[in-house]
Amino acid sequence: MAPLSIDPRSLNADERAVLEHILSAEFDGASQLRNQLDRTEVTAVWGPDSVSVDLQVREPCEHAALPTELVPVDAHVHDPSGAYVGEILVWTDRGATLAALEFAWVTDEMPASLPVIMDGRLSWPS
């Protein structure tokens, strides 16, 4: 299914918190991606009620120099019992600017919200 375009909007509090958490890891290009957050807009959702979104960074911004389009951070999501329920993937446009925030879930039901950060980990209520 193709993403559903929306009127560009600022990141909401949950999107920003998850991105800040993931981008707090140290890797080549992390600093530049963190600096893009204030200029990042959501431009599409991946489906009705999806928490996965396409992102666009308004210029001017400092571009990262990542070797791949996927941010190299393991962002596993667990439920309160500790069971793995998915992961958060952050995609970039040619390794330079933030392009998408994806909740890749392995549960039967699509998540209705992004995970929260608890004790330095991503947690999703069951």
C-alpha atoms as a PDB file:
ATOM      1  CA  MET A   1       0.000   0.000   0.000  1.00  0.00           C
ATOM      2  CA  ALA A   2       1.290   3.434  -0.906  1.00  0.00           C
ATOM      3  CA  PRO A   3       1.647   6.023   1.854  1.00  0.00           C
ATOM      4  CA  LEU A   4      -1.272   8.419   2.257  1.00  0.00           C
ATOM      5  CA  SER A   5      -0.139  12.004   1.732  1.00  0.00           C
ATOM      6  CA  ILE A   6      -1.202  14.529   4.352  1.00  0.00           C
ATOM      7  CA  ASP A   7      -0.758  18.253   4.777  1.00  0.00           C
ATOM      8  CA  PRO A   8       2.755  18.564   6.216  1.00  0.00           C
ATOM      9  CA  ARG A   9       2.724  18.879   9.996  1.00  0.00           C
ATOM     10  CA  SER A  10       5.274  19.090  12.776  1.00  0.00           C
ATOM     11  CA  LEU A  11       6.351  15.958  14.600  1.00  0.00           C
ATOM     12  CA  ASN A  12       3.966  15.113  17.428  1.00  0.00           C
ATOM     13  CA  ALA A  13       5.325  14.551  20.940  1.00  0.00           C
ATOM     14  CA  ASP A  14       5.436  10.741  20.602  1.00  0.00           C
ATOM     15  CA  GLU A  15       7.225  10.823  17.232  1.00  0.00           C
ATOM     16  CA  ARG A  16       9.752  13.321  18.523  1.00  0.00           C
ATOM     17  CA  ALA A  17      10.394  11.361  21.734  1.00  0.00           C
ATOM     18  CA  VAL A  18      11.030   8.108  19.825  1.00  0.00           C
ATOM     19  CA  LEU A  19      13.304   9.843  17.303  1.00  0.00           C
ATOM     20  CA  GLU A  20      15.236  11.629  20.063  1.00  0.00           C
ATOM     21  CA  HIS A  21      15.694   8.319  21.889  1.00  0.00           C
ATOM     22  CA  ILE A  22      16.994   6.488  18.818  1.00  0.00           C
ATOM     23  CA  LEU A  23      19.166   9.368  17.654  1.00  0.00           C
ATOM     24  CA  SER A  24      20.738   9.682  21.119  1.00  0.00           C
ATOM     25  CA  ALA A  25      22.899   6.694  20.155  1.00  0.00           C
ATOM     26  CA  GLU A  26      26.345   7.559  18.847  1.00  0.00           C
ATOM     27  CA  PHE A  27      27.000   6.643  15.214  1.00  0.00           C
ATOM     28  CA  ASP A  28      28.409   8.475  12.198  1.00  0.00           C
ATOM     29  CA  GLY A  29      25.840  11.116  11.218  1.00  0.00           C
ATOM     30  CA  ALA A  30      23.838  10.996  14.480  1.00  0.00           C
ATOM     31  CA  SER A  31      24.617  14.595  15.401  1.00  0.00           C
ATOM     32  CA  GLN A  32      23.470  15.892  12.010  1.00  0.00           C
ATOM     33  CA  LEU A  33      20.242  13.854  12.190  1.00  0.00           C
ATOM     34  CA  ARG A  34      19.526  15.130  15.725  1.00  0.00           C
ATOM     35  CA  ASN A  35      20.008  18.678  14.463  1.00  0.00           C
ATOM     36  CA  GLN A  36      17.369  18.057  11.768  1.00  0.00           C
ATOM     37  CA  LEU A  37      14.548  17.340  14.233  1.00  0.00           C
ATOM     38  CA  ASP A  38      13.383  20.958  14.541  1.00  0.00           C
ATOM     39  CA  ARG A  39      13.068  21.136  10.743  1.00  0.00           C
ATOM     40  CA  THR A  40      11.374  17.752  10.274  1.00  0.00           C
ATOM     41  CA  GLU A  41       7.756  17.438   9.132  1.00  0.00           C
ATOM     42  CA  VAL A  42       5.449  14.463   8.687  1.00  0.00           C
ATOM     43  CA  THR A  43       4.265  14.310   5.063  1.00  0.00           C
ATOM     44  CA  ALA A  44       2.440  10.957   4.859  1.00  0.00           C
ATOM     45  CA  VAL A  45       1.114   8.074   6.947  1.00  0.00           C
ATOM     46  CA  TRP A  46       1.638   4.480   5.869  1.00  0.00           C
ATOM     47  CA  GLY A  47      -2.041   3.629   6.073  1.00  0.00           C
ATOM     48  CA  PRO A  48      -5.201   4.429   7.979  1.00  0.00           C
ATOM     49  CA  ASP A  49      -4.420   4.457  11.720  1.00  0.00           C
ATOM     50  CA  SER A  50      -0.733   3.649  11.062  1.00  0.00           C
ATOM     51  CA  VAL A  51       1.890   5.132  13.370  1.00  0.00           C
ATOM     52  CA  SER A  52       4.560   4.726  10.651  1.00  0.00           C
ATOM     53  CA  VAL A  53       5.122   7.975   8.776  1.00  0.00           C
ATOM     54  CA  ASP A  54       7.128   9.567   5.991  1.00  0.00           C
ATOM     55  CA  LEU A  55       9.280  12.513   6.988  1.00  0.00           C
ATOM     56  CA  GLN A  56      10.768  15.469   5.175  1.00  0.00           C
ATOM     57  CA  VAL A  57      13.400  17.861   6.470  1.00  0.00           C
ATOM     58  CA  ARG A  58      13.025  21.503   5.455  1.00  0.00           C
ATOM     59  CA  GLU A  59      16.160  23.109   4.062  1.00  0.00           C
ATOM     60  CA  PRO A  60      18.526  24.529   5.017  1.00  0.00           C
ATOM     61  CA  CYS A  61      19.829  21.717   7.168  1.00  0.00           C
ATOM     62  CA  GLU A  62      23.090  19.955   7.829  1.00  0.00           C
ATOM     63  CA  HIS A  63      23.107  16.660   5.958  1.00  0.00           C
ATOM     64  CA  ALA A  64      24.389  13.451   7.506  1.00  0.00           C
ATOM     65  CA  ALA A  65      26.777  11.130   5.704  1.00  0.00           C
ATOM     66  CA  LEU A  66      25.423   7.672   6.500  1.00  0.00           C
ATOM     67  CA  PRO A  67      26.623   4.749   4.380  1.00  0.00           C
ATOM     68  CA  THR A  68      23.069   3.300   4.237  1.00  0.00           C
ATOM     69  CA  GLU A  69      19.510   4.594   4.265  1.00  0.00           C
ATOM     70  CA  LEU A  70      18.734   2.834   7.558  1.00  0.00           C
ATOM     71  CA  VAL A  71      19.906   4.408  10.818  1.00  0.00           C
ATOM     72  CA  PRO A  72      22.247   1.829  12.434  1.00  0.00           C
ATOM     73  CA  VAL A  73      20.489   1.514  15.802  1.00  0.00           C
ATOM     74  CA  ASP A  74      18.778  -1.589  17.208  1.00  0.00           C
ATOM     75  CA  ALA A  75      15.536  -0.178  18.599  1.00  0.00           C
ATOM     76  CA  HIS A  76      13.668  -3.269  19.772  1.00  0.00           C
ATOM     77  CA  VAL A  77      10.257  -2.793  21.369  1.00  0.00           C
ATOM     78  CA  HIS A  78       9.068  -5.014  24.233  1.00  0.00           C
ATOM     79  CA  ASP A  79       5.780  -5.280  26.067  1.00  0.00           C
ATOM     80  CA  PRO A  80       5.601  -4.985  29.882  1.00  0.00           C
ATOM     81  CA  SER A  81       6.308  -8.729  30.280  1.00  0.00           C
ATOM     82  CA  GLY A  82       9.515  -8.321  28.251  1.00  0.00           C
ATOM     83  CA  ALA A  83       8.236 -10.056  25.111  1.00  0.00           C
ATOM     84  CA  TYR A  84       9.563  -8.717  21.801  1.00  0.00           C
ATOM     85  CA  VAL A  85       6.746  -7.031  19.850  1.00  0.00           C
ATOM     86  CA  GLY A  86       8.705  -5.318  17.069  1.00  0.00           C
ATOM     87  CA  GLU A  87      11.230  -2.621  16.380  1.00  0.00           C
ATOM     88  CA  ILE A  88      11.459   0.985  15.358  1.00  0.00           C
ATOM     89  CA  LEU A  89      13.298   1.719  12.116  1.00  0.00           C
ATOM     90  CA  VAL A  90      14.449   5.201  11.133  1.00  0.00           C
ATOM     91  CA  TRP A  91      15.046   5.674   7.415  1.00  0.00           C
ATOM     92  CA  THR A  92      17.007   8.432   5.705  1.00  0.00           C
ATOM     93  CA  ASP A  93      16.946   9.890   2.234  1.00  0.00           C
ATOM     94  CA  ARG A  94      20.188   8.689   0.631  1.00  0.00           C
ATOM     95  CA  GLY A  95      21.775   8.641   4.087  1.00  0.00           C
ATOM     96  CA  ALA A  96      21.482  12.419   4.417  1.00  0.00           C
ATOM     97  CA  THR A  97      18.132  13.511   5.894  1.00  0.00           C
ATOM     98  CA  LEU A  98      15.385  11.889   7.955  1.00  0.00           C
ATOM     99  CA  ALA A  99      12.877  10.208   5.615  1.00  0.00           C
ATOM    100  CA  ALA A 100      10.646   7.820   7.616  1.00  0.00           C
ATOM    101  CA  LEU A 101       9.789   6.487  11.057  1.00  0.00           C
ATOM    102  CA  GLU A 102       8.537   2.883  10.970  1.00  0.00           C
ATOM    103  CA  PHE A 103       7.088   0.677  13.695  1.00  0.00           C
ATOM    104  CA  ALA A 104       7.727  -2.818  12.327  1.00  0.00           C
ATOM    105  CA  TRP A 105       5.540  -5.008  14.544  1.00  0.00           C
ATOM    106  CA  VAL A 106       5.364  -8.795  14.902  1.00  0.00           C
ATOM    107  CA  THR A 107       2.059  -8.965  16.780  1.00  0.00           C
ATOM    108  CA  ASP A 108      -1.335  -9.908  15.371  1.00  0.00           C
ATOM    109  CA  GLU A 109      -2.673  -6.375  15.785  1.00  0.00           C
ATOM    110  CA  MET A 110      -1.198  -3.258  14.225  1.00  0.00           C
ATOM    111  CA  PRO A 111      -0.009  -0.939  17.002  1.00  0.00           C
ATOM    112  CA  ALA A 112      -2.247   2.058  17.554  1.00  0.00           C
ATOM    113  CA  SER A 113       0.532   4.102  19.162  1.00  0.00           C
ATOM    114  CA  LEU A 114       4.278   4.415  19.187  1.00  0.00           C
ATOM    115  CA  PRO A 115       6.140   2.884  22.112  1.00  0.00           C
ATOM    116  CA  VAL A 116       7.121   4.960  25.119  1.00  0.00           C
ATOM    117  CA  ILE A 117      10.603   5.223  26.586  1.00  0.00           C
ATOM    118  CA  MET A 118      10.739   3.543  29.996  1.00  0.00           C
ATOM    119  CA  ASP A 119      14.001   2.944  31.848  1.00  0.00           C
ATOM    120  CA  GLY A 120      15.938   3.803  28.691  1.00  0.00           C
ATOM    121  CA  ARG A 121      14.094   1.213  26.591  1.00  0.00           C
ATOM    122  CA  LEU A 122      11.204   1.299  24.136  1.00  0.00           C
ATOM    123  CA  SER A 123       8.117  -0.215  25.761  1.00  0.00           C
ATOM    124  CA  TRP A 124       4.719  -0.861  24.297  1.00  0.00           C
ATOM    125  CA  PRO A 125       1.676  -1.542  26.479  1.00  0.00           C
ATOM    126  CA  SER A 126       0.077  -4.904  25.770  1.00  0.00           C
END
